């Protein structure tokens, strides 16, 4: 199979490719490079992606959370649902009964040590990034 036949076969594998791109692909030099990062749009995909929707539809899509979030936001109704709700949102309730209290002081000291080191580090990184220092505090509180 010649290189020209191979290029024709490559072009046939890309349905919907427009004539200008086909011309560029056939007549490119060795120095030219063309990167296609996605397949070409067909008419229906283009319409779905770029059709201007009404303001109400856009607002509804923006404010409607995805299904896993919607189901998580539903309030618990039964005792079993309440129990699982608290165990998910307060994980300390799962392990506090098995905690060995002799480790309380070392755990407290390690927590204070991490806080003493992590908070100034977050402030310093925020200043290095030319951000407001409070953003550094947020990064030291909220894990990545």
N, C-alpha and C. Protein backbone atom coordinates (compact mmCIF):
# COMPACT_ATOMS: atom_id res chain seq x y z
N UNK A 1 0.86 -1.18 0.00
CA UNK A 1 0.00 0.00 0.00
C UNK A 1 0.90 1.23 0.00
N UNK A 2 0.67 2.12 -0.94
CA UNK A 2 1.49 3.32 -1.04
C UNK A 2 1.08 4.33 0.03
N UNK A 3 1.94 5.34 0.20
CA UNK A 3 1.65 6.33 1.24
C UNK A 3 0.40 7.13 0.88
N UNK A 4 0.17 7.36 -0.42
CA UNK A 4 -1.01 8.10 -0.85
C UNK A 4 -2.29 7.30 -0.55
N UNK A 5 -2.24 5.98 -0.80
CA UNK A 5 -3.40 5.14 -0.51
C UNK A 5 -3.65 5.07 0.99
N UNK A 6 -2.55 5.06 1.79
CA UNK A 6 -2.68 5.03 3.24
C UNK A 6 -3.34 6.32 3.74
N UNK A 7 -2.95 7.48 3.17
CA UNK A 7 -3.57 8.75 3.56
C UNK A 7 -5.04 8.77 3.18
N UNK A 8 -5.39 8.21 1.99
CA UNK A 8 -6.80 8.15 1.60
C UNK A 8 -7.59 7.30 2.59
N UNK A 9 -7.01 6.18 3.01
CA UNK A 9 -7.68 5.31 3.98
C UNK A 9 -7.87 6.03 5.32
N UNK A 10 -6.85 6.81 5.74
CA UNK A 10 -6.97 7.56 6.98
C UNK A 10 -8.09 8.59 6.89
N UNK A 11 -8.20 9.25 5.73
CA UNK A 11 -9.24 10.25 5.56
C UNK A 11 -10.63 9.63 5.55
N UNK A 12 -10.74 8.41 4.99
CA UNK A 12 -12.05 7.75 4.96
C UNK A 12 -12.50 7.34 6.36
N UNK A 13 -11.55 7.14 7.28
CA UNK A 13 -11.90 6.77 8.64
C UNK A 13 -12.45 7.95 9.44
N UNK A 14 -12.31 9.18 8.93
CA UNK A 14 -12.79 10.37 9.61
C UNK A 14 -14.02 10.91 8.89
N UNK A 15 -15.21 10.39 9.19
CA UNK A 15 -16.40 10.85 8.48
C UNK A 15 -16.73 12.29 8.85
N UNK A 16 -17.23 13.02 7.86
CA UNK A 16 -17.66 14.38 8.10
C UNK A 16 -16.54 15.39 8.09
N UNK A 17 -15.34 14.98 7.69
CA UNK A 17 -14.23 15.91 7.67
C UNK A 17 -14.44 16.90 6.53
N UNK A 18 -14.19 18.17 6.77
CA UNK A 18 -14.48 19.15 5.73
C UNK A 18 -13.38 19.20 4.67
N UNK A 19 -13.70 19.84 3.55
CA UNK A 19 -12.81 19.82 2.39
C UNK A 19 -11.49 20.52 2.67
N UNK A 20 -11.52 21.64 3.40
CA UNK A 20 -10.28 22.38 3.67
C UNK A 20 -9.30 21.54 4.49
N UNK A 21 -9.80 20.85 5.49
CA UNK A 21 -8.92 20.02 6.29
C UNK A 21 -8.41 18.84 5.47
N UNK A 22 -9.28 18.29 4.63
CA UNK A 22 -8.85 17.20 3.75
C UNK A 22 -7.73 17.68 2.83
N UNK A 23 -7.87 18.88 2.27
CA UNK A 23 -6.84 19.45 1.39
C UNK A 23 -5.53 19.63 2.15
N UNK A 24 -5.63 20.14 3.40
CA UNK A 24 -4.42 20.32 4.20
C UNK A 24 -3.73 19.00 4.50
N UNK A 25 -4.54 17.98 4.81
CA UNK A 25 -3.96 16.68 5.12
C UNK A 25 -3.27 16.05 3.92
N UNK A 26 -3.84 16.23 2.74
CA UNK A 26 -3.25 15.65 1.53
C UNK A 26 -1.99 16.40 1.10
N UNK A 27 -1.97 17.73 1.29
CA UNK A 27 -0.89 18.55 0.74
C UNK A 27 0.03 19.13 1.82
N UNK A 28 0.20 18.44 2.90
CA UNK A 28 1.04 18.97 3.96
C UNK A 28 2.51 18.66 3.69
N UNK A 29 3.36 19.54 4.22
CA UNK A 29 4.80 19.32 4.15
C UNK A 29 5.23 18.54 5.37
N UNK A 30 6.48 18.13 5.37
CA UNK A 30 7.00 17.41 6.53
C UNK A 30 7.09 18.33 7.76
N UNK A 31 7.26 19.65 7.54
CA UNK A 31 7.38 20.57 8.67
C UNK A 31 6.02 20.87 9.30
N UNK A 32 4.95 20.75 8.50
CA UNK A 32 3.61 21.07 9.01
C UNK A 32 3.15 19.98 9.97
N UNK A 33 2.42 20.39 10.96
CA UNK A 33 1.81 19.39 11.83
C UNK A 33 0.37 19.80 12.09
N UNK A 34 -0.51 18.83 12.06
CA UNK A 34 -1.92 19.06 12.33
C UNK A 34 -2.31 18.11 13.44
N UNK A 35 -2.85 18.67 14.51
CA UNK A 35 -3.30 17.86 15.62
C UNK A 35 -4.81 17.98 15.71
N UNK A 36 -5.49 16.85 15.62
CA UNK A 36 -6.94 16.83 15.80
C UNK A 36 -7.19 16.25 17.17
N UNK A 37 -7.75 17.07 18.06
CA UNK A 37 -7.93 16.61 19.44
C UNK A 37 -9.31 16.00 19.68
N UNK A 38 -10.21 16.14 18.73
CA UNK A 38 -11.53 15.53 18.86
C UNK A 38 -12.01 15.18 17.47
N UNK A 39 -12.97 14.31 17.40
CA UNK A 39 -13.56 13.98 16.11
C UNK A 39 -14.41 15.14 15.62
N UNK A 40 -14.70 15.16 14.36
CA UNK A 40 -15.51 16.26 13.82
C UNK A 40 -16.95 16.15 14.32
N UNK A 41 -17.61 17.30 14.41
CA UNK A 41 -19.02 17.32 14.80
C UNK A 41 -19.88 16.94 13.60
N UNK A 42 -20.90 16.14 13.86
CA UNK A 42 -21.95 16.01 12.86
C UNK A 42 -23.04 17.01 13.24
N UNK A 43 -24.06 17.10 12.44
CA UNK A 43 -25.05 18.16 12.65
C UNK A 43 -25.77 18.04 13.99
N UNK A 44 -26.13 16.82 14.37
CA UNK A 44 -26.87 16.67 15.64
C UNK A 44 -25.98 16.99 16.84
N UNK A 45 -24.72 16.54 16.82
CA UNK A 45 -23.82 16.87 17.93
C UNK A 45 -23.57 18.37 18.02
N UNK A 46 -23.44 19.00 16.86
CA UNK A 46 -23.23 20.45 16.85
C UNK A 46 -24.44 21.16 17.43
N UNK A 47 -25.65 20.72 17.03
CA UNK A 47 -26.87 21.35 17.55
C UNK A 47 -26.98 21.18 19.05
N UNK A 48 -26.68 19.97 19.55
CA UNK A 48 -26.75 19.74 20.99
C UNK A 48 -25.77 20.61 21.76
N UNK A 49 -24.59 20.76 21.19
CA UNK A 49 -23.53 21.49 21.89
C UNK A 49 -23.71 23.00 21.85
N UNK A 50 -24.15 23.54 20.72
CA UNK A 50 -24.12 24.98 20.54
C UNK A 50 -25.47 25.65 20.37
N UNK A 51 -26.56 24.93 20.49
CA UNK A 51 -27.87 25.56 20.38
C UNK A 51 -28.10 26.45 21.58
N UNK A 52 -28.56 27.66 21.31
CA UNK A 52 -28.85 28.60 22.39
C UNK A 52 -30.18 28.21 23.00
N UNK A 53 -30.16 27.91 24.28
CA UNK A 53 -31.37 27.52 24.98
C UNK A 53 -31.95 28.74 25.67
N UNK A 54 -33.18 28.59 26.08
CA UNK A 54 -33.82 29.71 26.77
C UNK A 54 -33.15 29.94 28.11
N UNK A 55 -33.33 31.12 28.63
CA UNK A 55 -32.73 31.49 29.91
C UNK A 55 -33.23 30.57 31.02
N UNK A 56 -34.51 30.20 30.96
CA UNK A 56 -35.09 29.33 31.97
C UNK A 56 -34.45 27.94 31.93
N UNK A 57 -34.23 27.39 30.72
CA UNK A 57 -33.60 26.08 30.59
C UNK A 57 -32.16 26.09 31.10
N UNK A 58 -31.42 27.16 30.76
CA UNK A 58 -30.03 27.25 31.22
C UNK A 58 -29.98 27.38 32.73
N UNK A 59 -30.87 28.16 33.32
CA UNK A 59 -30.90 28.34 34.76
C UNK A 59 -31.27 27.04 35.46
N UNK A 60 -32.24 26.31 34.90
CA UNK A 60 -32.64 25.04 35.49
C UNK A 60 -31.49 24.05 35.45
N UNK A 61 -30.77 23.99 34.32
CA UNK A 61 -29.64 23.07 34.20
C UNK A 61 -28.53 23.46 35.17
N UNK A 62 -28.32 24.75 35.35
CA UNK A 62 -27.27 25.23 36.24
C UNK A 62 -27.59 24.93 37.70
N UNK A 63 -28.86 25.08 38.09
CA UNK A 63 -29.24 24.94 39.50
C UNK A 63 -29.63 23.52 39.90
N UNK A 64 -29.82 22.63 38.94
CA UNK A 64 -30.20 21.26 39.27
C UNK A 64 -28.95 20.44 39.54
N UNK A 65 -28.80 19.92 40.75
CA UNK A 65 -27.61 19.12 41.04
C UNK A 65 -27.70 17.75 40.36
N UNK A 66 -26.58 17.10 40.12
CA UNK A 66 -26.61 15.76 39.54
C UNK A 66 -27.31 14.76 40.46
N UNK A 67 -27.70 13.64 39.93
CA UNK A 67 -28.50 12.65 40.66
C UNK A 67 -27.86 12.19 41.97
N UNK A 68 -26.56 11.85 42.01
CA UNK A 68 -26.00 11.42 43.31
C UNK A 68 -26.12 12.51 44.38
N UNK A 69 -25.96 13.75 43.99
CA UNK A 69 -26.07 14.85 44.95
C UNK A 69 -27.52 15.03 45.37
N UNK A 70 -28.44 14.93 44.40
CA UNK A 70 -29.85 15.08 44.73
C UNK A 70 -30.29 14.03 45.73
N UNK A 71 -29.88 12.77 45.53
CA UNK A 71 -30.29 11.73 46.46
C UNK A 71 -29.63 11.91 47.82
N UNK A 72 -28.42 12.48 47.84
CA UNK A 72 -27.75 12.72 49.12
C UNK A 72 -28.40 13.87 49.88
N UNK A 73 -29.05 14.79 49.17
CA UNK A 73 -29.68 15.93 49.82
C UNK A 73 -31.07 15.61 50.37
N UNK A 74 -31.62 14.47 50.01
CA UNK A 74 -32.93 14.09 50.52
C UNK A 74 -32.84 13.84 52.02
N UNK A 75 -33.76 14.38 52.81
CA UNK A 75 -33.68 14.19 54.25
C UNK A 75 -34.00 12.74 54.63
N UNK A 76 -33.33 12.23 55.65
CA UNK A 76 -33.62 10.87 56.12
C UNK A 76 -35.03 10.79 56.70
N UNK A 77 -35.70 9.64 56.50
CA UNK A 77 -37.07 9.49 56.99
C UNK A 77 -37.19 8.43 58.07
N UNK A 78 -36.47 7.34 57.94
CA UNK A 78 -36.58 6.26 58.92
C UNK A 78 -35.41 6.30 59.88
N UNK A 79 -35.52 5.53 60.94
CA UNK A 79 -34.43 5.46 61.92
C UNK A 79 -33.15 4.91 61.32
N UNK A 80 -33.28 3.93 60.44
CA UNK A 80 -32.11 3.35 59.79
C UNK A 80 -31.42 4.38 58.89
N UNK A 81 -32.22 5.19 58.19
CA UNK A 81 -31.64 6.23 57.34
C UNK A 81 -30.94 7.30 58.18
N UNK A 82 -31.53 7.65 59.34
CA UNK A 82 -30.89 8.62 60.22
C UNK A 82 -29.56 8.09 60.73
N UNK A 83 -29.55 6.81 61.10
CA UNK A 83 -28.31 6.21 61.61
C UNK A 83 -27.22 6.25 60.54
N UNK A 84 -27.55 5.83 59.33
CA UNK A 84 -26.54 5.85 58.27
C UNK A 84 -26.14 7.28 57.92
N UNK A 85 -27.08 8.23 58.01
CA UNK A 85 -26.76 9.63 57.77
C UNK A 85 -25.71 10.12 58.74
N UNK A 86 -25.91 9.85 60.04
CA UNK A 86 -24.95 10.30 61.04
C UNK A 86 -23.62 9.58 60.92
N UNK A 87 -23.63 8.28 60.58
CA UNK A 87 -22.38 7.56 60.44
C UNK A 87 -21.58 8.05 59.24
N UNK A 88 -22.25 8.48 58.18
CA UNK A 88 -21.56 9.00 57.01
C UNK A 88 -20.99 10.39 57.28
N UNK A 89 -21.78 11.25 57.92
CA UNK A 89 -21.38 12.63 58.11
C UNK A 89 -20.58 12.88 59.39
N UNK A 90 -20.62 11.96 60.31
CA UNK A 90 -19.82 12.06 61.54
C UNK A 90 -19.07 10.74 61.74
N UNK A 91 -17.98 10.52 61.01
CA UNK A 91 -17.30 9.23 61.08
C UNK A 91 -16.73 8.91 62.46
N UNK A 92 -16.58 9.92 63.32
CA UNK A 92 -16.08 9.66 64.67
C UNK A 92 -16.99 8.68 65.41
N UNK A 93 -18.28 8.68 65.04
CA UNK A 93 -19.22 7.78 65.70
C UNK A 93 -18.93 6.31 65.41
N UNK A 94 -18.18 6.03 64.36
CA UNK A 94 -17.85 4.65 64.04
C UNK A 94 -16.68 4.13 64.87
N UNK A 95 -15.72 4.99 65.18
CA UNK A 95 -14.51 4.49 65.83
C UNK A 95 -14.33 4.96 67.27
N UNK A 96 -15.11 5.92 67.76
CA UNK A 96 -14.89 6.45 69.10
C UNK A 96 -15.05 5.37 70.17
N UNK A 97 -15.88 4.38 69.94
CA UNK A 97 -16.13 3.33 70.93
C UNK A 97 -14.93 2.39 71.06
N UNK A 98 -14.09 2.37 70.03
CA UNK A 98 -12.93 1.47 70.03
C UNK A 98 -11.62 2.23 70.25
N UNK A 99 -11.71 3.54 70.53
CA UNK A 99 -10.51 4.36 70.69
C UNK A 99 -9.83 4.03 72.01
N UNK A 100 -8.51 3.93 71.96
CA UNK A 100 -7.74 3.68 73.18
C UNK A 100 -7.34 5.03 73.76
N UNK A 101 -7.91 5.35 74.92
CA UNK A 101 -7.79 6.69 75.48
C UNK A 101 -6.37 7.03 75.91
N UNK A 102 -5.51 6.05 76.02
CA UNK A 102 -4.11 6.35 76.38
C UNK A 102 -3.40 7.11 75.25
N UNK A 103 -3.98 7.09 74.03
CA UNK A 103 -3.39 7.80 72.89
C UNK A 103 -3.92 9.22 72.75
N UNK A 104 -4.77 9.65 73.67
CA UNK A 104 -5.38 10.97 73.54
C UNK A 104 -4.35 12.10 73.61
N UNK A 105 -3.45 12.07 74.58
CA UNK A 105 -2.45 13.14 74.70
C UNK A 105 -1.50 13.15 73.49
N UNK A 106 -0.93 12.01 73.08
CA UNK A 106 -0.06 12.06 71.89
C UNK A 106 -0.81 12.49 70.61
N UNK A 107 -2.05 12.10 70.48
CA UNK A 107 -2.83 12.54 69.32
C UNK A 107 -3.07 14.04 69.36
N UNK A 108 -3.36 14.58 70.54
CA UNK A 108 -3.56 16.02 70.67
C UNK A 108 -2.29 16.78 70.34
N UNK A 109 -1.14 16.30 70.84
CA UNK A 109 0.14 16.97 70.57
C UNK A 109 0.46 16.93 69.08
N UNK A 110 0.21 15.80 68.43
CA UNK A 110 0.49 15.72 66.99
C UNK A 110 -0.45 16.63 66.20
N UNK A 111 -1.70 16.75 66.61
CA UNK A 111 -2.63 17.65 65.93
C UNK A 111 -2.21 19.10 66.06
N UNK A 112 -1.78 19.50 67.25
CA UNK A 112 -1.32 20.88 67.46
C UNK A 112 -0.05 21.13 66.65
N UNK A 113 0.85 20.15 66.59
CA UNK A 113 2.08 20.30 65.82
C UNK A 113 1.78 20.49 64.34
N UNK A 114 0.87 19.70 63.82
CA UNK A 114 0.51 19.85 62.41
C UNK A 114 -0.11 21.22 62.16
N UNK A 115 -0.99 21.66 63.05
CA UNK A 115 -1.62 22.97 62.87
C UNK A 115 -0.59 24.09 62.93
N UNK A 116 0.36 24.00 63.87
CA UNK A 116 1.38 25.04 64.02
C UNK A 116 2.26 25.11 62.78
N UNK A 117 2.51 24.00 62.14
CA UNK A 117 3.35 23.99 60.94
C UNK A 117 2.55 24.28 59.67
N UNK A 118 1.34 23.77 59.59
CA UNK A 118 0.58 23.82 58.33
C UNK A 118 -0.02 25.20 58.06
N UNK A 119 -0.51 25.86 59.08
CA UNK A 119 -1.16 27.17 58.87
C UNK A 119 -0.15 28.22 58.39
N UNK A 120 1.01 28.39 59.02
CA UNK A 120 1.97 29.36 58.47
C UNK A 120 2.47 28.97 57.07
N UNK A 121 2.59 27.67 56.82
CA UNK A 121 3.01 27.23 55.49
C UNK A 121 1.96 27.62 54.45
N UNK A 122 0.69 27.47 54.76
CA UNK A 122 -0.37 27.88 53.84
C UNK A 122 -0.35 29.38 53.59
N UNK A 123 -0.11 30.16 54.65
CA UNK A 123 -0.01 31.61 54.49
C UNK A 123 1.17 31.98 53.59
N UNK A 124 2.31 31.31 53.81
CA UNK A 124 3.49 31.62 53.01
C UNK A 124 3.29 31.27 51.54
N UNK A 125 2.69 30.12 51.27
CA UNK A 125 2.44 29.74 49.87
C UNK A 125 1.48 30.71 49.20
N UNK A 126 0.49 31.19 49.93
CA UNK A 126 -0.44 32.17 49.35
C UNK A 126 0.30 33.46 49.02
N UNK A 127 1.18 33.90 49.90
CA UNK A 127 1.94 35.11 49.62
C UNK A 127 2.90 34.92 48.45
N UNK A 128 3.51 33.72 48.36
CA UNK A 128 4.38 33.43 47.22
C UNK A 128 3.62 33.45 45.90
N UNK A 129 2.38 33.01 45.94
CA UNK A 129 1.55 32.99 44.73
C UNK A 129 0.88 34.34 44.49
N UNK A 130 1.21 35.32 45.31
CA UNK A 130 0.65 36.66 45.22
C UNK A 130 -0.87 36.66 45.38
N UNK A 131 -1.33 35.84 46.31
CA UNK A 131 -2.75 35.76 46.66
C UNK A 131 -2.93 36.35 48.05
N UNK A 132 -4.16 36.59 48.41
CA UNK A 132 -4.46 37.10 49.74
C UNK A 132 -4.17 35.99 50.76
N UNK A 133 -3.57 36.31 51.90
CA UNK A 133 -3.20 35.27 52.88
C UNK A 133 -4.37 34.42 53.37
N UNK A 134 -5.60 34.96 53.34
CA UNK A 134 -6.73 34.17 53.81
C UNK A 134 -6.93 32.94 52.91
N UNK A 135 -6.56 33.03 51.65
CA UNK A 135 -6.64 31.86 50.77
C UNK A 135 -5.70 30.78 51.24
N UNK A 136 -4.55 31.18 51.77
CA UNK A 136 -3.65 30.20 52.37
C UNK A 136 -4.25 29.53 53.59
N UNK A 137 -5.04 30.29 54.36
CA UNK A 137 -5.73 29.67 55.50
C UNK A 137 -6.78 28.67 55.03
N UNK A 138 -7.50 29.03 53.95
CA UNK A 138 -8.49 28.10 53.41
C UNK A 138 -7.81 26.81 52.96
N UNK A 139 -6.66 26.94 52.32
CA UNK A 139 -5.99 25.72 51.83
C UNK A 139 -5.46 24.89 52.98
N UNK A 140 -5.18 25.51 54.12
CA UNK A 140 -4.71 24.72 55.25
C UNK A 140 -5.86 24.06 55.99
N UNK A 141 -7.08 24.53 55.77
CA UNK A 141 -8.24 23.92 56.42
C UNK A 141 -8.87 22.86 55.54
N UNK A 142 -9.04 23.17 54.25
CA UNK A 142 -9.72 22.26 53.33
C UNK A 142 -8.68 21.40 52.62
N UNK A 143 -8.78 20.08 52.74
CA UNK A 143 -7.79 19.23 52.06
C UNK A 143 -7.98 19.26 50.55
N UNK A 144 -6.92 18.91 49.84
CA UNK A 144 -6.96 18.94 48.38
C UNK A 144 -7.78 17.81 47.82
